[in-house]
């Protein structure tokens, strides 16, 4: 799949997830669609650059917890995004945890839809 499409779908998935999180969790706030779009882009970049580094540093904890520590790594990415983007905020610990679950679930659905569409489309020769 073309890299531009993958980046666009990743950003769109994060945008949808953060918008949904702001509707479901009271302490997830943003000052307008522009701030939400920037937060989605920052989250995409954080997941692309920072998340692998955090996973590498914490690989022993990830192995010891059978992968559950990756949830903490994902929470750190969401919290870092809220800290970096003025006008976008996530409340306390439970708000970050809930937002992380919503982002994970929406991205799971987006990836499943893309995978299904890729297998159903005819291949180019």
PDB file of N, CA and C in Angstrom:
ATOM      1  N   UNK A   1       0.854  -1.178   0.000  1.00  0.00           N
ATOM      2  CA  UNK A   1       0.000   0.000   0.000  1.00  0.00           C
ATOM      3  C   UNK A   1       0.895   1.235   0.000  1.00  0.00           C
ATOM      4  N   UNK A   2       0.468   2.245  -0.691  1.00  0.00           N
ATOM      5  CA  UNK A   2       1.217   3.483  -0.798  1.00  0.00           C
ATOM      6  C   UNK A   2       1.398   4.111   0.582  1.00  0.00           C
ATOM      7  N   UNK A   3       2.581   4.639   0.850  1.00  0.00           N
ATOM      8  CA  UNK A   3       2.893   5.203   2.160  1.00  0.00           C
ATOM      9  C   UNK A   3       2.014   6.412   2.480  1.00  0.00           C
ATOM     10  N   UNK A   4       1.673   7.204   1.484  1.00  0.00           N
ATOM     11  CA  UNK A   4       0.821   8.373   1.721  1.00  0.00           C
ATOM     12  C   UNK A   4      -0.574   7.949   2.193  1.00  0.00           C
ATOM     13  N   UNK A   5      -1.075   6.879   1.628  1.00  0.00           N
ATOM     14  CA  UNK A   5      -2.383   6.374   2.042  1.00  0.00           C
ATOM     15  C   UNK A   5      -2.318   5.846   3.472  1.00  0.00           C
ATOM     16  N   UNK A   6      -1.247   5.126   3.791  1.00  0.00           N
ATOM     17  CA  UNK A   6      -1.094   4.596   5.154  1.00  0.00           C
ATOM     18  C   UNK A   6      -0.986   5.709   6.183  1.00  0.00           C
ATOM     19  N   UNK A   7      -0.228   6.758   5.867  1.00  0.00           N
ATOM     20  CA  UNK A   7      -0.097   7.898   6.788  1.00  0.00           C
ATOM     21  C   UNK A   7      -1.439   8.597   6.939  1.00  0.00           C
ATOM     22  N   UNK A   8      -2.139   8.790   5.839  1.00  0.00           N
ATOM     23  CA  UNK A   8      -3.454   9.431   5.892  1.00  0.00           C
ATOM     24  C   UNK A   8      -4.464   8.628   6.693  1.00  0.00           C
ATOM     25  N   UNK A   9      -4.459   7.320   6.511  1.00  0.00           N
ATOM     26  CA  UNK A   9      -5.371   6.468   7.272  1.00  0.00           C
ATOM     27  C   UNK A   9      -5.002   6.450   8.755  1.00  0.00           C
ATOM     28  N   UNK A  10      -3.714   6.464   9.058  1.00  0.00           N
ATOM     29  CA  UNK A  10      -3.280   6.514  10.453  1.00  0.00           C
ATOM     30  C   UNK A  10      -3.719   7.800  11.123  1.00  0.00           C
ATOM     31  N   UNK A  11      -3.527   8.905  10.424  1.00  0.00           N
ATOM     32  CA  UNK A  11      -3.960  10.200  10.960  1.00  0.00           C
ATOM     33  C   UNK A  11      -5.481  10.242  11.110  1.00  0.00           C
ATOM     34  N   UNK A  12      -6.187   9.744  10.111  1.00  0.00           N
ATOM     35  CA  UNK A  12      -7.647   9.722  10.170  1.00  0.00           C
ATOM     36  C   UNK A  12      -8.166   8.851  11.296  1.00  0.00           C
ATOM     37  N   UNK A  13      -7.528   7.704  11.505  1.00  0.00           N
ATOM     38  CA  UNK A  13      -7.908   6.842  12.614  1.00  0.00           C
ATOM     39  C   UNK A  13      -7.682   7.516  13.956  1.00  0.00           C
ATOM     40  N   UNK A  14      -6.537   8.179  14.104  1.00  0.00           N
ATOM     41  CA  UNK A  14      -6.265   8.902  15.352  1.00  0.00           C
ATOM     42  C   UNK A  14      -7.223  10.076  15.533  1.00  0.00           C
ATOM     43  N   UNK A  15      -7.557  10.759  14.448  1.00  0.00           N
ATOM     44  CA  UNK A  15      -8.513  11.867  14.522  1.00  0.00           C
ATOM     45  C   UNK A  15      -9.874  11.366  14.987  1.00  0.00           C
ATOM     46  N   UNK A  16     -10.338  10.292  14.393  1.00  0.00           N
ATOM     47  CA  UNK A  16     -11.612   9.701  14.786  1.00  0.00           C
ATOM     48  C   UNK A  16     -11.577   9.229  16.240  1.00  0.00           C
ATOM     49  N   UNK A  17     -10.479   8.590  16.637  1.00  0.00           N
ATOM     50  CA  UNK A  17     -10.360   8.075  18.004  1.00  0.00           C
ATOM     51  C   UNK A  17     -10.347   9.196  19.029  1.00  0.00           C
ATOM     52  N   UNK A  18      -9.606  10.261  18.773  1.00  0.00           N
ATOM     53  CA  UNK A  18      -9.548  11.372  19.730  1.00  0.00           C
ATOM     54  C   UNK A  18     -10.885  12.110  19.795  1.00  0.00           C
ATOM     55  N   UNK A  19     -11.569  12.226  18.658  1.00  0.00           N
ATOM     56  CA  UNK A  19     -12.893  12.852  18.668  1.00  0.00           C
ATOM     57  C   UNK A  19     -13.872  12.007  19.470  1.00  0.00           C
ATOM     58  N   UNK A  20     -13.823  10.701  19.277  1.00  0.00           N
ATOM     59  CA  UNK A  20     -14.689   9.800  20.029  1.00  0.00           C
ATOM     60  C   UNK A  20     -14.362   9.840  21.526  1.00  0.00           C
ATOM     61  N   UNK A  21     -13.087   9.878  21.845  1.00  0.00           N
ATOM     62  CA  UNK A  21     -12.675   9.958  23.252  1.00  0.00           C
ATOM     63  C   UNK A  21     -13.181  11.247  23.894  1.00  0.00           C
ATOM     64  N   UNK A  22     -13.161  12.340  23.142  1.00  0.00           N
ATOM     65  CA  UNK A  22     -13.643  13.608  23.708  1.00  0.00           C
ATOM     66  C   UNK A  22     -15.150  13.580  23.944  1.00  0.00           C
ATOM     67  N   UNK A  23     -15.871  12.770  23.170  1.00  0.00           N
ATOM     68  CA  UNK A  23     -17.321  12.632  23.368  1.00  0.00           C
ATOM     69  C   UNK A  23     -17.645  11.713  24.545  1.00  0.00           C
ATOM     70  N   UNK A  24     -16.806  10.694  24.759  1.00  0.00           N
ATOM     71  CA  UNK A  24     -17.094   9.698  25.774  1.00  0.00           C
ATOM     72  C   UNK A  24     -16.481  10.020  27.147  1.00  0.00           C
ATOM     73  N   UNK A  25     -15.387  10.763  27.152  1.00  0.00           N
ATOM     74  CA  UNK A  25     -14.686  11.075  28.395  1.00  0.00           C
ATOM     75  C   UNK A  25     -14.707  12.582  28.594  1.00  0.00           C
ATOM     76  N   UNK A  26     -15.303  13.024  29.685  1.00  0.00           N
ATOM     77  CA  UNK A  26     -15.503  14.452  29.923  1.00  0.00           C
ATOM     78  C   UNK A  26     -14.206  15.253  29.979  1.00  0.00           C
ATOM     79  N   UNK A  27     -13.140  14.675  30.504  1.00  0.00           N
ATOM     80  CA  UNK A  27     -11.914  15.448  30.692  1.00  0.00           C
ATOM     81  C   UNK A  27     -10.993  15.444  29.471  1.00  0.00           C
ATOM     82  N   UNK A  28     -11.436  14.880  28.355  1.00  0.00           N
ATOM     83  CA  UNK A  28     -10.697  14.985  27.097  1.00  0.00           C
ATOM     84  C   UNK A  28     -11.299  16.157  26.342  1.00  0.00           C
ATOM     85  N   UNK A  29     -10.509  17.219  26.197  1.00  0.00           N
ATOM     86  CA  UNK A  29     -11.027  18.458  25.611  1.00  0.00           C
ATOM     87  C   UNK A  29     -10.116  18.954  24.489  1.00  0.00           C
ATOM     88  N   UNK A  30     -10.707  19.741  23.602  1.00  0.00           N
ATOM     89  CA  UNK A  30      -9.938  20.420  22.561  1.00  0.00           C
ATOM     90  C   UNK A  30     -10.632  21.724  22.224  1.00  0.00           C
ATOM     91  N   UNK A  31      -9.853  22.684  21.716  1.00  0.00           N
ATOM     92  CA  UNK A  31     -10.349  24.035  21.465  1.00  0.00           C
ATOM     93  C   UNK A  31     -10.896  24.246  20.067  1.00  0.00           C
ATOM     94  N   UNK A  32     -11.075  23.223  19.313  1.00  0.00           N
ATOM     95  CA  UNK A  32     -11.593  23.344  17.953  1.00  0.00           C
ATOM     96  C   UNK A  32     -11.065  22.207  17.109  1.00  0.00           C
ATOM     97  N   UNK A  33     -11.646  22.084  15.917  1.00  0.00           N
ATOM     98  CA  UNK A  33     -11.254  20.985  15.049  1.00  0.00           C
ATOM     99  C   UNK A  33      -9.778  21.055  14.674  1.00  0.00           C
ATOM    100  N   UNK A  34      -9.255  22.262  14.495  1.00  0.00           N
ATOM    101  CA  UNK A  34      -7.845  22.414  14.138  1.00  0.00           C
ATOM    102  C   UNK A  34      -6.924  21.836  15.197  1.00  0.00           C
ATOM    103  N   UNK A  35      -7.232  22.098  16.454  1.00  0.00           N
ATOM    104  CA  UNK A  35      -6.416  21.553  17.541  1.00  0.00           C
ATOM    105  C   UNK A  35      -6.529  20.030  17.593  1.00  0.00           C
ATOM    106  N   UNK A  36      -7.713  19.523  17.331  1.00  0.00           N
ATOM    107  CA  UNK A  36      -7.909  18.068  17.319  1.00  0.00           C
ATOM    108  C   UNK A  36      -7.121  17.438  16.172  1.00  0.00           C
ATOM    109  N   UNK A  37      -7.129  18.077  15.005  1.00  0.00           N
ATOM    110  CA  UNK A  37      -6.379  17.565  13.856  1.00  0.00           C
ATOM    111  C   UNK A  37      -4.875  17.593  14.127  1.00  0.00           C
ATOM    112  N   UNK A  38      -4.408  18.648  14.784  1.00  0.00           N
ATOM    113  CA  UNK A  38      -2.989  18.727  15.141  1.00  0.00           C
ATOM    114  C   UNK A  38      -2.642  17.648  16.160  1.00  0.00           C
ATOM    115  N   UNK A  39      -3.522  17.443  17.142  1.00  0.00           N
ATOM    116  CA  UNK A  39      -3.277  16.408  18.144  1.00  0.00           C
ATOM    117  C   UNK A  39      -3.210  15.032  17.495  1.00  0.00           C
ATOM    118  N   UNK A  40      -4.066  14.772  16.521  1.00  0.00           N
ATOM    119  CA  UNK A  40      -4.036  13.484  15.816  1.00  0.00           C
ATOM    120  C   UNK A  40      -2.727  13.317  15.048  1.00  0.00           C
ATOM    121  N   UNK A  41      -2.254  14.393  14.427  1.00  0.00           N
ATOM    122  CA  UNK A  41      -0.984  14.333  13.697  1.00  0.00           C
ATOM    123  C   UNK A  41       0.179  14.119  14.664  1.00  0.00           C
ATOM    124  N   UNK A  42       0.168  14.825  15.795  1.00  0.00           N
ATOM    125  CA  UNK A  42       1.235  14.663  16.783  1.00  0.00           C
ATOM    126  C   UNK A  42       1.214  13.247  17.347  1.00  0.00           C
ATOM    127  N   UNK A  43       0.030  12.717  17.634  1.00  0.00           N
ATOM    128  CA  UNK A  43      -0.063  11.339  18.128  1.00  0.00           C
ATOM    129  C   UNK A  43       0.489  10.353  17.106  1.00  0.00           C
ATOM    130  N   UNK A  44       0.225  10.587  15.845  1.00  0.00           N
ATOM    131  CA  UNK A  44       0.765   9.715  14.793  1.00  0.00           C
ATOM    132  C   UNK A  44       2.288   9.764  14.778  1.00  0.00           C
ATOM    133  N   UNK A  45       2.851  10.962  14.899  1.00  0.00           N
ATOM    134  CA  UNK A  45       4.309  11.113  14.898  1.00  0.00           C
ATOM    135  C   UNK A  45       4.916  10.502  16.158  1.00  0.00           C
ATOM    136  N   UNK A  46       4.278  10.734  17.303  1.00  0.00           N
ATOM    137  CA  UNK A  46       4.759  10.150  18.563  1.00  0.00           C
ATOM    138  C   UNK A  46       4.738   8.632  18.471  1.00  0.00           C
ATOM    139  N   UNK A  47       3.675   8.061  17.905  1.00  0.00           N
ATOM    140  CA  UNK A  47       3.599   6.608  17.753  1.00  0.00           C
ATOM    141  C   UNK A  47       4.649   6.086  16.775  1.00  0.00           C
ATOM    142  N   UNK A  48       5.021   6.894  15.813  1.00  0.00           N
ATOM    143  CA  UNK A  48       5.997   6.479  14.815  1.00  0.00           C
ATOM    144  C   UNK A  48       7.427   6.590  15.329  1.00  0.00           C
ATOM    145  N   UNK A  49       7.722   7.619  16.135  1.00  0.00           N
ATOM    146  CA  UNK A  49       9.098   7.898  16.541  1.00  0.00           C
ATOM    147  C   UNK A  49       9.369   7.507  17.996  1.00  0.00           C
ATOM    148  N   UNK A  50       8.556   8.004  18.912  1.00  0.00           N
ATOM    149  CA  UNK A  50       8.823   7.838  20.340  1.00  0.00           C
ATOM    150  C   UNK A  50       8.433   6.452  20.840  1.00  0.00           C
ATOM    151  N   UNK A  51       7.307   5.936  20.383  1.00  0.00           N
ATOM    152  CA  UNK A  51       6.811   4.649  20.884  1.00  0.00           C
ATOM    153  C   UNK A  51       7.817   3.505  20.689  1.00  0.00           C
ATOM    154  N   UNK A  52       8.455   3.369  19.517  1.00  0.00           N
ATOM    155  CA  UNK A  52       9.456   2.299  19.390  1.00  0.00           C
ATOM    156  C   UNK A  52      10.634   2.466  20.356  1.00  0.00           C
ATOM    157  N   UNK A  53      11.027   3.711  20.599  1.00  0.00           N
ATOM    158  CA  UNK A  53      12.124   3.940  21.547  1.00  0.00           C
ATOM    159  C   UNK A  53      11.715   3.558  22.962  1.00  0.00           C
ATOM    160  N   UNK A  54      10.499   3.937  23.358  1.00  0.00           N
ATOM    161  CA  UNK A  54      10.008   3.565  24.683  1.00  0.00           C
ATOM    162  C   UNK A  54       9.883   2.046  24.814  1.00  0.00           C
ATOM    163  N   UNK A  55       9.424   1.399  23.769  1.00  0.00           N
ATOM    164  CA  UNK A  55       9.294  -0.060  23.794  1.00  0.00           C
ATOM    165  C   UNK A  55      10.663  -0.722  23.898  1.00  0.00           C
ATOM    166  N   UNK A  56      11.654  -0.170  23.215  1.00  0.00           N
ATOM    167  CA  UNK A  56      13.001  -0.722  23.279  1.00  0.00           C
ATOM    168  C   UNK A  56      13.587  -0.569  24.680  1.00  0.00           C
ATOM    169  N   UNK A  57      13.414   0.602  25.273  1.00  0.00           N
ATOM    170  CA  UNK A  57      13.945   0.856  26.606  1.00  0.00           C
ATOM    171  C   UNK A  57      13.258  -0.032  27.645  1.00  0.00           C
ATOM    172  N   UNK A  58      11.983  -0.275  27.452  1.00  0.00           N
ATOM    173  CA  UNK A  58      11.222  -1.034  28.449  1.00  0.00           C
ATOM    174  C   UNK A  58      10.973  -2.487  28.032  1.00  0.00           C
ATOM    175  N   UNK A  59      11.790  -3.014  27.146  1.00  0.00           N
ATOM    176  CA  UNK A  59      11.535  -4.356  26.618  1.00  0.00           C
ATOM    177  C   UNK A  59      11.545  -5.426  27.716  1.00  0.00           C
ATOM    178  N   UNK A  60      12.367  -5.265  28.739  1.00  0.00           N
ATOM    179  CA  UNK A  60      12.385  -6.251  29.824  1.00  0.00           C
ATOM    180  C   UNK A  60      11.038  -6.257  30.548  1.00  0.00           C
ATOM    181  N   UNK A  61      10.499  -5.069  30.844  1.00  0.00           N
ATOM    182  CA  UNK A  61       9.191  -4.993  31.495  1.00  0.00           C
ATOM    183  C   UNK A  61       8.086  -5.536  30.604  1.00  0.00           C
ATOM    184  N   UNK A  62       8.195  -5.294  29.322  1.00  0.00           N
ATOM    185  CA  UNK A  62       7.198  -5.810  28.387  1.00  0.00           C
ATOM    186  C   UNK A  62       7.217  -7.332  28.393  1.00  0.00           C
ATOM    187  N   UNK A  63       8.400  -7.914  28.399  1.00  0.00           N
ATOM    188  CA  UNK A  63       8.507  -9.371  28.415  1.00  0.00           C
ATOM    189  C   UNK A  63       8.009  -9.933  29.746  1.00  0.00           C
ATOM    190  N   UNK A  64       8.413  -9.304  30.852  1.00  0.00           N
ATOM    191  CA  UNK A  64       7.999  -9.796  32.171  1.00  0.00           C
ATOM    192  C   UNK A  64       6.489  -9.730  32.387  1.00  0.00           C
ATOM    193  N   UNK A  65       5.838  -8.743  31.791  1.00  0.00           N
ATOM    194  CA  UNK A  65       4.385  -8.599  31.956  1.00  0.00           C
ATOM    195  C   UNK A  65       3.621  -9.214  30.786  1.00  0.00           C
ATOM    196  N   UNK A  66       4.315  -9.972  29.967  1.00  0.00           N
ATOM    197  CA  UNK A  66       3.714 -10.625  28.797  1.00  0.00           C
ATOM    198  C   UNK A  66       3.023  -9.627  27.867  1.00  0.00           C
ATOM    199  N   UNK A  67       3.621  -8.483  27.713  1.00  0.00           N
ATOM    200  CA  UNK A  67       3.125  -7.474  26.784  1.00  0.00           C
ATOM    201  C   UNK A  67       2.206  -6.434  27.390  1.00  0.00           C
ATOM    202  N   UNK A  68       1.774  -6.619  28.611  1.00  0.00           N
ATOM    203  CA  UNK A  68       0.838  -5.660  29.216  1.00  0.00           C
ATOM    204  C   UNK A  68       1.469  -4.289  29.429  1.00  0.00           C
ATOM    205  N   UNK A  69       2.781  -4.229  29.583  1.00  0.00           N
ATOM    206  CA  UNK A  69       3.430  -2.933  29.776  1.00  0.00           C
ATOM    207  C   UNK A  69       3.335  -2.069  28.521  1.00  0.00           C
ATOM    208  N   UNK A  70       3.049  -2.663  27.375  1.00  0.00           N
ATOM    209  CA  UNK A  70       2.836  -1.860  26.160  1.00  0.00           C
ATOM    210  C   UNK A  70       1.662  -0.900  26.335  1.00  0.00           C
ATOM    211  N   UNK A  71       0.693  -1.273  27.170  1.00  0.00           N
ATOM    212  CA  UNK A  71      -0.413  -0.365  27.456  1.00  0.00           C
ATOM    213  C   UNK A  71       0.103   0.886  28.145  1.00  0.00           C
ATOM    214  N   UNK A  72       1.049   0.738  29.042  1.00  0.00           N
ATOM    215  CA  UNK A  72       1.656   1.891  29.725  1.00  0.00           C
ATOM    216  C   UNK A  72       2.430   2.745  28.722  1.00  0.00           C
ATOM    217  N   UNK A  73       3.112   2.097  27.795  1.00  0.00           N
ATOM    218  CA  UNK A  73       3.834   2.825  26.746  1.00  0.00           C
ATOM    219  C   UNK A  73       2.843   3.625  25.897  1.00  0.00           C
ATOM    220  N   UNK A  74       1.716   3.020  25.533  1.00  0.00           N
ATOM    221  CA  UNK A  74       0.699   3.725  24.756  1.00  0.00           C
ATOM    222  C   UNK A  74       0.095   4.882  25.560  1.00  0.00           C
ATOM    223  N   UNK A  75      -0.102   4.672  26.856  1.00  0.00           N
ATOM    224  CA  UNK A  75      -0.604   5.762  27.707  1.00  0.00           C
ATOM    225  C   UNK A  75       0.389   6.918  27.723  1.00  0.00           C
ATOM    226  N   UNK A  76       1.676   6.609  27.763  1.00  0.00           N
ATOM    227  CA  UNK A  76       2.697   7.660  27.738  1.00  0.00           C
ATOM    228  C   UNK A  76       2.630   8.449  26.430  1.00  0.00           C
ATOM    229  N   UNK A  77       2.351   7.777  25.334  1.00  0.00           N
ATOM    230  CA  UNK A  77       2.237   8.459  24.036  1.00  0.00           C
ATOM    231  C   UNK A  77       1.037   9.410  24.019  1.00  0.00           C
ATOM    232  N   UNK A  78      -0.081   8.977  24.568  1.00  0.00           N
ATOM    233  CA  UNK A  78      -1.270   9.838  24.629  1.00  0.00           C
ATOM    234  C   UNK A  78      -1.011  11.029  25.548  1.00  0.00           C
ATOM    235  N   UNK A  79      -0.397  10.774  26.709  1.00  0.00           N
ATOM    236  CA  UNK A  79      -0.103  11.859  27.646  1.00  0.00           C
ATOM    237  C   UNK A  79       0.899  12.849  27.050  1.00  0.00           C
ATOM    238  N   UNK A  80       1.895  12.351  26.331  1.00  0.00           N
ATOM    239  CA  UNK A  80       2.866  13.235  25.683  1.00  0.00           C
ATOM    240  C   UNK A  80       2.191  14.100  24.627  1.00  0.00           C
ATOM    241  N   UNK A  81       1.271  13.526  23.886  1.00  0.00           N
ATOM    242  CA  UNK A  81       0.528  14.288  22.883  1.00  0.00           C
ATOM    243  C   UNK A  81      -0.258  15.414  23.544  1.00  0.00           C
ATOM    244  N   UNK A  82      -0.935  15.106  24.645  1.00  0.00           N
ATOM    245  CA  UNK A  82      -1.703  16.136  25.354  1.00  0.00           C
ATOM    246  C   UNK A  82      -0.784  17.220  25.900  1.00  0.00           C
ATOM    247  N   UNK A  83       0.413  16.853  26.300  1.00  0.00           N
ATOM    248  CA  UNK A  83       1.358  17.824  26.837  1.00  0.00           C
ATOM    249  C   UNK A  83       1.939  18.702  25.722  1.00  0.00           C
ATOM    250  N   UNK A  84       2.149  18.142  24.545  1.00  0.00           N
ATOM    251  CA  UNK A  84       2.766  18.878  23.434  1.00  0.00           C
ATOM    252  C   UNK A  84       1.811  19.809  22.702  1.00  0.00           C
ATOM    253  N   UNK A  85       0.524  19.488  22.685  1.00  0.00           N
ATOM    254  CA  UNK A  85      -0.428  20.250  21.877  1.00  0.00           C
ATOM    255  C   UNK A  85      -1.240  21.177  22.769  1.00  0.00           C
ATOM    256  N   UNK A  86      -0.967  22.484  22.700  1.00  0.00           N
ATOM    257  CA  UNK A  86      -1.806  23.411  23.468  1.00  0.00           C
ATOM    258  C   UNK A  86      -3.213  23.444  22.877  1.00  0.00           C
ATOM    259  N   UNK A  87      -4.202  23.476  23.734  1.00  0.00           N
ATOM    260  CA  UNK A  87      -5.579  23.456  23.264  1.00  0.00           C
ATOM    261  C   UNK A  87      -6.165  22.061  23.187  1.00  0.00           C
ATOM    262  N   UNK A  88      -5.353  21.052  23.482  1.00  0.00           N
ATOM    263  CA  UNK A  88      -5.825  19.679  23.562  1.00  0.00           C
ATOM    264  C   UNK A  88      -5.412  19.142  24.919  1.00  0.00           C
ATOM    265  N   UNK A  89      -6.373  18.626  25.656  1.00  0.00           N
ATOM    266  CA  UNK A  89      -6.060  18.162  26.995  1.00  0.00           C
ATOM    267  C   UNK A  89      -6.729  16.848  27.333  1.00  0.00           C
ATOM    268  N   UNK A  90      -6.024  16.056  28.109  1.00  0.00           N
ATOM    269  CA  UNK A  90      -6.558  14.815  28.650  1.00  0.00           C
ATOM    270  C   UNK A  90      -6.368  14.913  30.150  1.00  0.00           C
ATOM    271  N   UNK A  91      -7.434  14.633  30.902  1.00  0.00           N
ATOM    272  CA  UNK A  91      -7.398  14.789  32.354  1.00  0.00           C
ATOM    273  C   UNK A  91      -6.395  13.888  33.036  1.00  0.00           C
ATOM    274  N   UNK A  92      -6.778  13.250  34.107  1.00  0.00           N
ATOM    275  CA  UNK A  92      -5.899  12.441  34.925  1.00  0.00           C
ATOM    276  C   UNK A  92      -5.621  11.060  34.366  1.00  0.00           C
ATOM    277  N   UNK A  93      -5.134  10.204  35.237  1.00  0.00           N
ATOM    278  CA  UNK A  93      -4.688   8.859  34.873  1.00  0.00           C
ATOM    279  C   UNK A  93      -5.775   8.062  34.164  1.00  0.00           C
ATOM    280  N   UNK A  94      -6.980   8.040  34.736  1.00  0.00           N
ATOM    281  CA  UNK A  94      -8.054   7.224  34.157  1.00  0.00           C
ATOM    282  C   UNK A  94      -8.529   7.771  32.820  1.00  0.00           C
ATOM    283  N   UNK A  95      -8.457   9.071  32.642  1.00  0.00           N
ATOM    284  CA  UNK A  95      -8.812   9.655  31.341  1.00  0.00           C
ATOM    285  C   UNK A  95      -7.795   9.258  30.277  1.00  0.00           C
ATOM    286  N   UNK A  96      -6.521   9.264  30.652  1.00  0.00           N
ATOM    287  CA  UNK A  96      -5.476   8.829  29.713  1.00  0.00           C
ATOM    288  C   UNK A  96      -5.660   7.342  29.392  1.00  0.00           C
ATOM    289  N   UNK A  97      -5.967   6.541  30.413  1.00  0.00           N
ATOM    290  CA  UNK A  97      -6.175   5.103  30.188  1.00  0.00           C
ATOM    291  C   UNK A  97      -7.374   4.865  29.267  1.00  0.00           C
ATOM    292  N   UNK A  98      -8.474   5.554  29.513  1.00  0.00           N
ATOM    293  CA  UNK A  98      -9.658   5.402  28.668  1.00  0.00           C
ATOM    294  C   UNK A  98      -9.411   5.856  27.247  1.00  0.00           C
ATOM    295  N   UNK A  99      -8.717   6.981  27.098  1.00  0.00           N
ATOM    296  CA  UNK A  99      -8.382   7.480  25.769  1.00  0.00           C
ATOM    297  C   UNK A  99      -7.492   6.485  25.037  1.00  0.00           C
ATOM    298  N   UNK A 100      -6.559   5.883  25.748  1.00  0.00           N
ATOM    299  CA  UNK A 100      -5.670   4.886  25.150  1.00  0.00           C
ATOM    300  C   UNK A 100      -6.464   3.680  24.646  1.00  0.00           C
ATOM    301  N   UNK A 101      -7.437   3.233  25.423  1.00  0.00           N
ATOM    302  CA  UNK A 101      -8.265   2.096  24.999  1.00  0.00           C
ATOM    303  C   UNK A 101      -9.069   2.468  23.749  1.00  0.00           C
ATOM    304  N   UNK A 102      -9.623   3.666  23.724  1.00  0.00           N
ATOM    305  CA  UNK A 102     -10.417   4.107  22.570  1.00  0.00           C
ATOM    306  C   UNK A 102      -9.539   4.218  21.324  1.00  0.00           C
ATOM    307  N   UNK A 103      -8.339   4.811  21.465  1.00  0.00           N
ATOM    308  CA  UNK A 103      -7.420   4.924  20.329  1.00  0.00           C
ATOM    309  C   UNK A 103      -7.044   3.538  19.824  1.00  0.00           C
ATOM    310  N   UNK A 104      -6.766   2.629  20.744  1.00  0.00           N
ATOM    311  CA  UNK A 104      -6.406   1.263  20.345  1.00  0.00           C
ATOM    312  C   UNK A 104      -7.549   0.621  19.573  1.00  0.00           C
ATOM    313  N   UNK A 105      -8.778   0.714  20.104  1.00  0.00           N
ATOM    314  CA  UNK A 105      -9.922   0.052  19.488  1.00  0.00           C
ATOM    315  C   UNK A 105     -10.233   0.631  18.104  1.00  0.00           C
ATOM    316  N   UNK A 106     -10.223   1.949  17.972  1.00  0.00           N
ATOM    317  CA  UNK A 106     -10.510   2.573  16.671  1.00  0.00           C
ATOM    318  C   UNK A 106      -9.435   2.199  15.658  1.00  0.00           C
ATOM    319  N   UNK A 107      -8.170   2.227  16.075  1.00  0.00           N
ATOM    320  CA  UNK A 107      -7.104   1.847  15.151  1.00  0.00           C
ATOM    321  C   UNK A 107      -7.188   0.375  14.775  1.00  0.00           C
ATOM    322  N   UNK A 108      -7.635  -0.473  15.689  1.00  0.00           N
ATOM    323  CA  UNK A 108      -7.863  -1.882  15.379  1.00  0.00           C
ATOM    324  C   UNK A 108      -8.913  -2.025  14.287  1.00  0.00           C
ATOM    325  N   UNK A 109     -10.021  -1.284  14.412  1.00  0.00           N
ATOM    326  CA  UNK A 109     -11.078  -1.334  13.399  1.00  0.00           C
ATOM    327  C   UNK A 109     -10.606  -0.795  12.054  1.00  0.00           C
ATOM    328  N   UNK A 110      -9.873   0.311  12.074  1.00  0.00           N
ATOM    329  CA  UNK A 110      -9.369   0.898  10.822  1.00  0.00           C
ATOM    330  C   UNK A 110      -8.409  -0.070  10.136  1.00  0.00           C
ATOM    331  N   UNK A 111      -7.505  -0.664  10.897  1.00  0.00           N
ATOM    332  CA  UNK A 111      -6.556  -1.616  10.305  1.00  0.00           C
ATOM    333  C   UNK A 111      -7.262  -2.855   9.766  1.00  0.00           C
ATOM    334  N   UNK A 112      -8.291  -3.320  10.462  1.00  0.00           N
ATOM    335  CA  UNK A 112      -9.045  -4.473   9.974  1.00  0.00           C
ATOM    336  C   UNK A 112      -9.771  -4.133   8.668  1.00  0.00           C
ATOM    337  N   UNK A 113     -10.354  -2.949   8.598  1.00  0.00           N
ATOM    338  CA  UNK A 113     -11.051  -2.532   7.379  1.00  0.00           C
ATOM    339  C   UNK A 113     -10.079  -2.388   6.210  1.00  0.00           C
ATOM    340  N   UNK A 114      -8.911  -1.824   6.463  1.00  0.00           N
ATOM    341  CA  UNK A 114      -7.909  -1.665   5.408  1.00  0.00           C
ATOM    342  C   UNK A 114      -7.409  -3.020   4.946  1.00  0.00           C
ATOM    343  N   UNK A 115      -7.173  -3.924   5.885  1.00  0.00           N
ATOM    344  CA  UNK A 115      -6.706  -5.262   5.530  1.00  0.00           C
ATOM    345  C   UNK A 115      -7.746  -6.000   4.696  1.00  0.00           C
ATOM    346  N   UNK A 116      -9.003  -5.882   5.087  1.00  0.00           N
ATOM    347  CA  UNK A 116     -10.066  -6.536   4.335  1.00  0.00           C
ATOM    348  C   UNK A 116     -10.194  -5.939   2.937  1.00  0.00           C
ATOM    349  N   UNK A 117     -10.127  -4.614   2.845  1.00  0.00           N
ATOM    350  CA  UNK A 117     -10.231  -3.959   1.538  1.00  0.00           C
ATOM    351  C   UNK A 117      -9.054  -4.333   0.647  1.00  0.00           C
ATOM    352  N   UNK A 118      -7.876  -4.462   1.241  1.00  0.00           N
ATOM    353  CA  UNK A 118      -6.700  -4.806   0.447  1.00  0.00           C
ATOM    354  C   UNK A 118      -6.816  -6.209  -0.135  1.00  0.00           C
ATOM    355  N   UNK A 119      -7.398  -7.138   0.610  1.00  0.00           N
ATOM    356  CA  UNK A 119      -7.543  -8.500   0.123  1.00  0.00           C
ATOM    357  C   UNK A 119      -8.676  -8.637  -0.884  1.00  0.00           C
ATOM    358  N   UNK A 120      -9.646  -7.742  -0.844  1.00  0.00           N
ATOM    359  CA  UNK A 120     -10.777  -7.834  -1.768  1.00  0.00           C
ATOM    360  C   UNK A 120     -10.517  -7.109  -3.080  1.00  0.00           C
ATOM    361  N   UNK A 121      -9.605  -6.160  -3.102  1.00  0.00           N
ATOM    362  CA  UNK A 121      -9.322  -5.427  -4.324  1.00  0.00           C
ATOM    363  C   UNK A 121      -8.459  -6.272  -5.246  1.00  0.00           C
ATOM    364  N   UNK A 122      -8.694  -6.181  -6.565  1.00  0.00           N
ATOM    365  CA  UNK A 122      -7.835  -6.925  -7.484  1.00  0.00           C
ATOM    366  C   UNK A 122      -6.431  -6.337  -7.492  1.00  0.00           C
ATOM    367  N   UNK A 123      -5.456  -7.196  -7.653  1.00  0.00           N
ATOM    368  CA  UNK A 123      -4.065  -6.748  -7.670  1.00  0.00           C
ATOM    369  C   UNK A 123      -3.698  -6.209  -9.060  1.00  0.00           C
ATOM    370  N   UNK A 124      -2.843  -5.177  -9.043  1.00  0.00           N
ATOM    371  CA  UNK A 124      -2.353  -4.637 -10.304  1.00  0.00           C
ATOM    372  C   UNK A 124      -1.194  -5.492 -10.826  1.00  0.00           C
ATOM    373  N   UNK A 125      -1.130  -5.612 -12.125  1.00  0.00           N
ATOM    374  CA  UNK A 125      -0.051  -6.415 -12.719  1.00  0.00           C
ATOM    375  C   UNK A 125       1.167  -5.592 -12.968  1.00  0.00           C
TER     376      UNK A 125
END
